[in-house]
Amino acid sequence: MDMVEKKEVNGVVAYTLGIVSIVLAFFSSLAGLTFGIIGFVKSRKDHSELAKTAKKMNLIGIILSLIVFAIQVAILYTKLIKIIPGLTA
């Protein structure tokens, strides 16, 4: 496999990871964050149009994962306050 084909593969892999990270952001935010970061790193190795699109998708997946994770932590905290009365600061 020559260098051009390897870069094209990086773009396709990054694009696929971007889609996976967006989908997983709603089901498992930490997995979505992980796939988004891996895809973002892969997309930086290529400078094609597909890699630029993949970079945007991975950023969207990372941001969505962080937002959903923050919401999950907030919901968990409010439920824990109801269960454990001395938890409030």
C-alpha atoms as a PDB file:
ATOM      1  CA  MET A   1       0.000   0.000   0.000  1.00  0.00           C
ATOM      2  CA  ASP A   2       1.562   3.284  -1.019  1.00  0.00           C
ATOM      3  CA  MET A   3       1.398   6.555   0.903  1.00  0.00           C
ATOM      4  CA  VAL A   4      -1.569   7.999  -1.038  1.00  0.00           C
ATOM      5  CA  GLU A   5      -3.750   4.973  -0.349  1.00  0.00           C
ATOM      6  CA  LYS A   6      -2.791   5.022   3.334  1.00  0.00           C
ATOM      7  CA  LYS A   7      -3.864   8.668   3.640  1.00  0.00           C
ATOM      8  CA  GLU A   8      -7.155   7.885   1.919  1.00  0.00           C
ATOM      9  CA  VAL A   9      -7.704   5.049   4.378  1.00  0.00           C
ATOM     10  CA  ASN A  10      -7.064   7.467   7.276  1.00  0.00           C
ATOM     11  CA  GLY A  11      -9.736   9.785   5.868  1.00  0.00           C
ATOM     12  CA  VAL A  12     -12.286   6.989   5.532  1.00  0.00           C
ATOM     13  CA  VAL A  13     -11.495   5.641   9.006  1.00  0.00           C
ATOM     14  CA  ALA A  14     -11.782   9.140  10.509  1.00  0.00           C
ATOM     15  CA  TYR A  15     -15.106   9.697   8.721  1.00  0.00           C
ATOM     16  CA  THR A  16     -16.462   6.390  10.005  1.00  0.00           C
ATOM     17  CA  LEU A  17     -15.292   7.146  13.535  1.00  0.00           C
ATOM     18  CA  GLY A  18     -17.010  10.533  13.294  1.00  0.00           C
ATOM     19  CA  ILE A  19     -20.334   8.897  12.503  1.00  0.00           C
ATOM     20  CA  VAL A  20     -19.846   6.346  15.280  1.00  0.00           C
ATOM     21  CA  SER A  21     -18.937   9.053  17.804  1.00  0.00           C
ATOM     22  CA  ILE A  22     -22.075  11.058  17.024  1.00  0.00           C
ATOM     23  CA  VAL A  23     -24.302   7.993  17.397  1.00  0.00           C
ATOM     24  CA  LEU A  24     -22.579   6.778  20.568  1.00  0.00           C
ATOM     25  CA  ALA A  25     -22.757  10.235  22.133  1.00  0.00           C
ATOM     26  CA  PHE A  26     -26.413   9.546  22.946  1.00  0.00           C
ATOM     27  CA  PHE A  27     -26.001   5.960  24.181  1.00  0.00           C
ATOM     28  CA  SER A  28     -22.567   5.884  25.816  1.00  0.00           C
ATOM     29  CA  SER A  29     -21.059   9.326  26.068  1.00  0.00           C
ATOM     30  CA  LEU A  30     -17.603   8.137  27.141  1.00  0.00           C
ATOM     31  CA  ALA A  31     -17.391   5.750  24.185  1.00  0.00           C
ATOM     32  CA  GLY A  32     -18.557   8.537  21.870  1.00  0.00           C
ATOM     33  CA  LEU A  33     -15.883  10.823  23.298  1.00  0.00           C
ATOM     34  CA  THR A  34     -13.205   8.155  22.828  1.00  0.00           C
ATOM     35  CA  PHE A  35     -14.152   7.433  19.225  1.00  0.00           C
ATOM     36  CA  GLY A  36     -14.396  11.150  18.504  1.00  0.00           C
ATOM     37  CA  ILE A  37     -10.896  11.824  19.792  1.00  0.00           C
ATOM     38  CA  ILE A  38      -9.419   8.878  17.889  1.00  0.00           C
ATOM     39  CA  GLY A  39     -11.188   9.971  14.699  1.00  0.00           C
ATOM     40  CA  PHE A  40     -10.042  13.569  15.156  1.00  0.00           C
ATOM     41  CA  VAL A  41      -6.421  12.469  15.496  1.00  0.00           C
ATOM     42  CA  LYS A  42      -6.764  10.273  12.397  1.00  0.00           C
ATOM     43  CA  SER A  43      -8.323  13.102  10.402  1.00  0.00           C
ATOM     44  CA  ARG A  44      -5.411  15.426  11.169  1.00  0.00           C
ATOM     45  CA  LYS A  45      -3.056  13.069   9.302  1.00  0.00           C
ATOM     46  CA  ASP A  46      -4.868  13.634   6.007  1.00  0.00           C
ATOM     47  CA  HIS A  47      -5.645  16.864   4.156  1.00  0.00           C
ATOM     48  CA  SER A  48      -8.344  15.686   1.754  1.00  0.00           C
ATOM     49  CA  GLU A  49     -11.910  16.988   1.659  1.00  0.00           C
ATOM     50  CA  LEU A  50     -13.119  13.779   3.291  1.00  0.00           C
ATOM     51  CA  ALA A  51     -10.693  14.309   6.173  1.00  0.00           C
ATOM     52  CA  LYS A  52     -11.889  17.901   6.625  1.00  0.00           C
ATOM     53  CA  THR A  53     -15.477  16.674   6.812  1.00  0.00           C
ATOM     54  CA  ALA A  54     -14.395  13.901   9.176  1.00  0.00           C
ATOM     55  CA  LYS A  55     -12.692  16.450  11.423  1.00  0.00           C
ATOM     56  CA  LYS A  56     -15.920  18.448  11.678  1.00  0.00           C
ATOM     57  CA  MET A  57     -17.968  15.310  12.403  1.00  0.00           C
ATOM     58  CA  ASN A  58     -15.535  14.193  15.086  1.00  0.00           C
ATOM     59  CA  LEU A  59     -15.667  17.618  16.732  1.00  0.00           C
ATOM     60  CA  ILE A  60     -19.465  17.435  16.719  1.00  0.00           C
ATOM     61  CA  GLY A  61     -19.252  13.962  18.281  1.00  0.00           C
ATOM     62  CA  ILE A  62     -16.810  15.170  20.951  1.00  0.00           C
ATOM     63  CA  ILE A  63     -18.957  18.187  21.838  1.00  0.00           C
ATOM     64  CA  LEU A  64     -22.178  16.144  21.930  1.00  0.00           C
ATOM     65  CA  SER A  65     -20.500  13.520  24.098  1.00  0.00           C
ATOM     66  CA  LEU A  66     -19.309  16.148  26.559  1.00  0.00           C
ATOM     67  CA  ILE A  67     -22.749  17.781  26.727  1.00  0.00           C
ATOM     68  CA  VAL A  68     -24.537  14.454  27.248  1.00  0.00           C
ATOM     69  CA  PHE A  69     -21.954  13.418  29.848  1.00  0.00           C
ATOM     70  CA  ALA A  70     -22.485  16.671  31.767  1.00  0.00           C
ATOM     71  CA  ILE A  71     -26.263  16.125  31.676  1.00  0.00           C
ATOM     72  CA  GLN A  72     -25.829  12.552  32.915  1.00  0.00           C
ATOM     73  CA  VAL A  73     -23.627  13.709  35.796  1.00  0.00           C
ATOM     74  CA  ALA A  74     -26.150  16.416  36.735  1.00  0.00           C
ATOM     75  CA  ILE A  75     -29.028  13.908  36.724  1.00  0.00           C
ATOM     76  CA  LEU A  76     -27.007  11.438  38.773  1.00  0.00           C
ATOM     77  CA  TYR A  77     -26.096  14.133  41.283  1.00  0.00           C
ATOM     78  CA  THR A  78     -29.708  15.228  41.743  1.00  0.00           C
ATOM     79  CA  LYS A  79     -30.772  11.613  42.291  1.00  0.00           C
ATOM     80  CA  LEU A  80     -27.969  11.050  44.782  1.00  0.00           C
ATOM     81  CA  ILE A  81     -29.004  14.150  46.745  1.00  0.00           C
ATOM     82  CA  LYS A  82     -32.460  12.631  47.178  1.00  0.00           C
ATOM     83  CA  ILE A  83     -31.018   9.266  48.276  1.00  0.00           C
ATOM     84  CA  ILE A  84     -28.200  10.534  50.542  1.00  0.00           C
ATOM     85  CA  PRO A  85     -29.463  13.453  52.635  1.00  0.00           C
ATOM     86  CA  GLY A  86     -26.038  14.680  53.888  1.00  0.00           C
ATOM     87  CA  LEU A  87     -24.557  14.979  50.383  1.00  0.00           C
ATOM     88  CA  THR A  88     -25.359  18.644  49.827  1.00  0.00           C
ATOM     89  CA  ALA A  89     -22.536  21.059  50.487  1.00  0.00           C
END
